Amino acid sequence: MTKLVEKTWLKETEKKLSVCKLLAIFLVVQTTAAALCKTDAGYQRAQALIKKGKHEQAAKILSEMVSREPQNVALLLDLGEVHLNDLNDMAGAHMKAEQCFKKAIKIDPQSGRAYRMMSEWAIAQGKNDFAIQMASKAVLAGKPDHKGFLTRATALENQKKEREALADLDKYLTREQDKKAYKKRAAILEKMHNYARALSDYRSIQKNSEDGDAALREAVCLEKLNKNEESIARLDKLLKQSPEDDAAYEARGTARAKLGRLQEAAQDYSKAIQLLPTASLYRLRANIYEKMGRKDLAAKDRKEAERI
């Protein structure tokens, strides 16, 4: 290596090291700022208000904190998220959320969370293509946010790209044990008639604690797999805990009907109708009455279904 080349190489190396040092310092500052703001009394009060659904009040506190620390990316993203979840002023709040997320990305282009929040904003606007772009950046950023896989899956599902959505959910669930993600994946699997795999997910959700929605879907999957006795047993247990669950009575009625237990099926549909009368329930009960030879009652139910 000649002296001139060696000198040039050393200068370039020094420049690269300087950039790396600056980036390292920036990351430390941002991490420290995020940690400090979370111990702030105002920040904790804002979080308590968010849990109570008082987003407007929380936004005021976070806005004051951002005015004091305008370069604090964590605060900007928290404020943007509060605006995004504010249902009282969706148009205005969503505009404020977008501004927060854009500013956060400008300050820290390596923040995966910033891109992920921008993706969630885009989904709320129905901009699924843009949401997919932002979620992709979230998982590939210097500080990746793996929740971007979940957000991208939502956008893909909105575009009816279920297989691609499933692939993203698989990636996310290898990294996080997230109940919401399991439910989303199970629902997609049901839609694709993959009831065995959906059943496995619904059971995973309930591994540590009971979940009424997951229990109901578990029973429906069992019925679809022709495991009707298991389905009924699961619904018996669910109805002991939630005796006013109309969907559970409907599901049990369907499983009982498949086993030829028509009288019990009619009773279940009747209870579901009592709790929440719908045209589909009247038609289901009409079909049972027809099989029982009660054409008069079947005709009455079909007439009521037409009226509704």
Foldseek 3Di string as FASTA:
>chain_A
DDPVVVVVVVVVVVVVVVVVVVVVVVVVVLVVLLVVLCVDPLQVVLVVCVVVVNLVVSLVSLVVVCVVVVLRLNSLQVSLVSLCSNPVCNVVSLVSSLVSLVSSCVSPVQALSSLQSNLVSCVVVVNLVSSLVSLVCQQVGPHHDLCSLVSNLVSCVVVVNLVSSLVSLVSSCVPDVDLVSLQVNLVSCVVVVVLVVSLVSLVSSPVPHDDLVSLLSNLLSCVSVVVLVVSLVSLVVSCVVVVLDLSSLQSNLSSCVVVVVLVSSLVSLVSSCVNPNALVSLQVNLVSCVVVVNNVSSVVSNVVSVVD
